[in-house]
Amino acid sequence: MTLVRKCGDRALLLEVDDVHGMVRALEALDLPGVTEIVAGARTVLVSHGADADVNALARRVAGITPMAEPEGDPATITLEVIYDGDDLGVVAGVAGISVEEVIARHVGADYQVAFCGFSPGFAYLRGLDPSLVVPRLASPRTRVPAGSVAIADTWSAVYPRESPGGWRLLGHTRTPLWDLTSPVPALLTPGTRVRFARIAS
């Protein structure tokens, strides 16, 4: 069931069980008046123009059935990671396992981009091994290098650009995550499947 709420005067917020399925269904319908569709962790934001019939649009989206993922093996982006992060030991201590096991469990998971936020190109990856769930730092770092691979709470992520950040650092990748010269600047977009592969420094 889809719960629809008005969000300001130019958007509807949909609370759904299958975020990516709903996004696929909305994009396929190409509804008149809709200007943008944004996936969240458990919601979908549907922005619309000023002249849209909001009540009619709300009724329409409330009755939409999420669309299943296309059949076949989904495309997967593999990111090569050097596991040299400052927080490996801390994560190992919290989890009660060795640093090598932390790395093995992080590499062994299948991830999917749930949504993007915080900064351009920053993708929240679901699929983290439950044993690696750790809180954010009590005091964020003022500088986290671009390419840093990190975890916090139930998520994993890669910092696309240098920025402050409070996630636990496991390592880094040399793969660019944000490229303004590309037609699609963000390498990781909602729904993208992701794997991590360990490489030597």
Protein backbone atom coordinates (compact mmCIF):
# COMPACT_ATOMS: atom_id res chain seq x y z
CA MET A 1 0.00 0.00 0.00
CA THR A 2 1.24 3.48 -0.88
CA LEU A 3 0.72 6.33 1.56
CA VAL A 4 0.74 9.69 -0.20
CA ARG A 5 1.37 13.00 1.55
CA LYS A 6 1.65 16.52 0.17
CA CYS A 7 5.18 17.87 0.57
CA GLY A 8 5.15 21.64 0.26
CA ASP A 9 3.28 23.07 -2.71
CA ARG A 10 5.26 21.35 -5.48
CA ALA A 11 5.67 17.71 -4.44
CA LEU A 12 4.11 14.52 -3.14
CA LEU A 13 5.90 12.17 -0.73
CA LEU A 14 5.14 8.48 -1.21
CA GLU A 15 5.79 6.03 1.62
CA VAL A 16 6.29 2.62 -0.02
CA ASP A 17 7.71 -0.83 0.68
CA ASP A 18 9.48 -1.12 -2.68
CA VAL A 19 11.17 2.20 -3.43
CA HIS A 20 12.99 1.19 -6.60
CA GLY A 21 9.98 -0.70 -7.96
CA MET A 22 7.86 2.41 -7.48
CA VAL A 23 10.46 4.61 -9.17
CA ARG A 24 10.54 2.22 -12.17
CA ALA A 25 6.73 2.30 -12.39
CA LEU A 26 6.54 6.10 -12.16
CA GLU A 27 9.24 6.61 -14.77
CA ALA A 28 7.53 4.17 -17.14
CA LEU A 29 4.22 6.04 -16.90
CA ASP A 30 5.77 9.46 -17.63
CA LEU A 31 2.94 11.18 -15.76
CA PRO A 32 1.99 14.67 -17.01
CA GLY A 33 3.07 17.46 -14.68
CA VAL A 34 5.75 15.40 -12.93
CA THR A 35 9.13 17.13 -13.08
CA GLU A 36 11.36 14.91 -10.91
CA ILE A 37 11.29 11.56 -9.10
CA VAL A 38 13.72 11.08 -6.21
CA ALA A 39 14.28 7.81 -4.33
CA GLY A 40 14.81 7.87 -0.57
CA ALA A 41 15.43 5.14 2.00
CA ARG A 42 11.73 4.30 2.35
CA THR A 43 10.08 7.09 0.38
CA VAL A 44 9.78 8.47 -3.14
CA LEU A 45 9.50 12.22 -3.72
CA VAL A 46 7.43 13.16 -6.77
CA SER A 47 7.90 16.80 -7.72
CA HIS A 48 5.38 18.49 -10.01
CA GLY A 49 4.81 21.76 -11.78
CA ALA A 50 2.71 24.63 -10.43
CA ASP A 51 -0.12 23.91 -12.88
CA ALA A 52 -0.45 20.19 -12.02
CA ASP A 53 -3.74 18.84 -10.68
CA VAL A 54 -2.29 17.77 -7.34
CA ASN A 55 -5.35 15.87 -6.11
CA ALA A 56 -5.66 13.91 -9.35
CA LEU A 57 -1.93 13.17 -9.31
CA ALA A 58 -2.13 11.97 -5.70
CA ARG A 59 -4.98 9.61 -6.54
CA ARG A 60 -3.08 8.29 -9.56
CA VAL A 61 0.18 7.55 -7.76
CA ALA A 62 -1.64 5.98 -4.80
CA GLY A 63 -2.92 3.26 -7.12
CA ILE A 64 0.34 2.47 -8.88
CA THR A 65 1.84 -0.99 -8.41
CA PRO A 66 5.64 -1.10 -8.12
CA MET A 67 7.34 -2.56 -11.19
CA ALA A 68 9.51 -5.62 -10.78
CA GLU A 69 13.19 -5.49 -11.64
CA PRO A 70 13.87 -6.58 -15.24
CA GLU A 71 14.77 -10.23 -15.63
CA GLY A 72 18.38 -11.26 -16.14
CA ASP A 73 21.54 -10.51 -14.22
CA PRO A 74 21.56 -6.84 -13.22
CA ALA A 75 24.61 -4.80 -14.17
CA THR A 76 27.06 -4.59 -11.30
CA ILE A 77 29.82 -2.05 -10.70
CA THR A 78 32.88 -3.51 -9.00
CA LEU A 79 35.03 -1.08 -7.02
CA GLU A 80 38.61 -2.09 -6.25
CA VAL A 81 39.50 -1.17 -2.67
CA ILE A 82 42.73 -0.90 -0.73
CA TYR A 83 41.70 -1.77 2.83
CA ASP A 84 43.91 0.59 4.84
CA GLY A 85 41.28 2.65 6.68
CA ASP A 86 41.89 4.27 10.05
CA ASP A 87 38.85 2.62 11.62
CA LEU A 88 39.43 -1.02 10.68
CA GLY A 89 40.66 -1.86 14.16
CA VAL A 90 37.77 -0.10 15.86
CA VAL A 91 35.20 -1.87 13.69
CA ALA A 92 36.90 -5.20 14.38
CA GLY A 93 36.75 -4.52 18.11
CA VAL A 94 33.07 -3.58 18.06
CA ALA A 95 32.22 -6.63 15.96
CA GLY A 96 34.40 -8.95 18.02
CA ILE A 97 36.25 -10.26 14.97
CA SER A 98 39.65 -9.80 13.34
CA VAL A 99 40.51 -7.03 10.90
CA GLU A 100 40.87 -9.67 8.17
CA GLU A 101 37.35 -10.90 8.89
CA VAL A 102 35.99 -7.34 8.73
CA ILE A 103 37.50 -7.00 5.26
CA ALA A 104 36.23 -10.43 4.17
CA ARG A 105 32.68 -9.64 5.28
CA HIS A 106 32.71 -6.22 3.64
CA VAL A 107 33.98 -7.70 0.37
CA GLY A 108 31.61 -10.66 0.57
CA ALA A 109 28.37 -8.67 0.59
CA ASP A 110 26.20 -7.70 -2.37
CA TYR A 111 25.23 -4.04 -2.28
CA GLN A 112 22.64 -1.87 -4.00
CA VAL A 113 22.37 1.91 -4.05
CA ALA A 114 19.27 2.68 -2.00
CA PHE A 115 19.39 6.44 -2.47
CA CYS A 116 21.82 9.34 -2.81
CA GLY A 117 22.29 12.28 -0.48
CA PHE A 118 24.62 14.21 1.84
CA SER A 119 26.70 15.45 -1.10
CA PRO A 120 26.57 15.05 -4.92
CA GLY A 121 27.37 11.46 -5.86
CA PHE A 122 27.27 10.11 -2.29
CA ALA A 123 25.39 6.80 -2.52
CA TYR A 124 23.95 4.94 0.45
CA LEU A 125 24.59 1.23 -0.16
CA ARG A 126 22.32 -1.30 1.49
CA GLY A 127 23.43 -4.89 1.99
CA LEU A 128 26.07 -4.42 4.71
CA ASP A 129 26.77 -7.54 6.77
CA PRO A 130 24.82 -7.10 10.07
CA SER A 131 27.94 -7.86 12.10
CA LEU A 132 29.56 -4.69 10.71
CA VAL A 133 26.84 -2.31 11.88
CA VAL A 134 28.62 0.42 13.86
CA PRO A 135 27.64 3.95 14.91
CA ARG A 136 29.01 7.06 13.29
CA LEU A 137 31.88 8.88 14.95
CA ALA A 138 30.83 10.99 17.92
CA SER A 139 32.81 13.87 16.39
CA PRO A 140 33.08 13.90 12.56
CA ARG A 141 36.43 14.30 10.86
CA THR A 142 36.96 17.67 9.24
CA ARG A 143 38.52 16.04 6.17
CA VAL A 144 37.76 12.69 4.57
CA PRO A 145 39.65 12.09 1.29
CA ALA A 146 37.77 11.42 -1.93
CA GLY A 147 37.42 7.70 -2.60
CA SER A 148 37.26 6.73 1.07
CA VAL A 149 35.24 3.55 1.59
CA ALA A 150 33.26 3.71 4.81
CA ILE A 151 30.46 2.24 6.90
CA ALA A 152 28.00 3.67 9.42
CA ASP A 153 24.86 2.20 10.93
CA THR A 154 23.47 -0.26 8.33
CA TRP A 155 25.07 1.46 5.32
CA SER A 156 28.27 1.38 3.33
CA ALA A 157 29.39 4.23 1.08
CA VAL A 158 32.24 5.79 -0.84
CA TYR A 159 33.01 9.50 -0.41
CA PRO A 160 32.90 10.93 -3.96
CA ARG A 161 34.78 14.09 -3.03
CA GLU A 162 36.88 15.35 -0.14
CA SER A 163 34.56 16.52 2.61
CA PRO A 164 33.93 16.37 6.34
CA GLY A 165 32.44 13.08 7.47
CA GLY A 166 31.63 10.91 10.45
CA TRP A 167 31.60 7.43 8.91
CA ARG A 168 34.06 4.65 9.87
CA LEU A 169 36.83 4.42 7.28
CA LEU A 170 37.73 0.94 5.98
CA GLY A 171 39.87 1.83 2.97
CA HIS A 172 39.89 3.71 -0.31
CA THR A 173 39.26 3.24 -4.01
CA ARG A 174 40.94 5.01 -6.91
CA THR A 175 37.79 4.78 -9.03
CA PRO A 176 36.27 8.26 -9.61
CA LEU A 177 32.74 8.46 -8.20
CA TRP A 178 31.90 11.97 -9.40
CA ASP A 179 32.84 13.37 -12.83
CA LEU A 180 31.29 16.62 -14.03
CA THR A 181 32.57 15.99 -17.58
CA SER A 182 30.36 12.89 -17.85
CA PRO A 183 26.73 13.09 -19.09
CA VAL A 184 25.81 11.37 -15.79
CA PRO A 185 28.29 12.76 -13.23
CA ALA A 186 27.52 10.19 -10.52
CA LEU A 187 28.91 6.70 -11.06
CA LEU A 188 26.51 5.24 -8.50
CA THR A 189 22.80 5.99 -8.93
CA PRO A 190 19.74 4.55 -7.15
CA GLY A 191 19.24 0.88 -7.98
CA THR A 192 22.84 0.27 -9.09
CA ARG A 193 24.36 -3.01 -7.85
CA VAL A 194 27.81 -2.71 -6.29
CA ARG A 195 30.56 -5.13 -5.24
CA PHE A 196 33.87 -4.38 -3.54
CA ALA A 197 37.07 -6.19 -4.53
CA ARG A 198 40.18 -6.15 -2.37
CA ILE A 199 43.46 -5.18 -4.04
CA ALA A 200 46.95 -4.68 -2.72
CA SER A 201 48.23 -1.18 -2.10
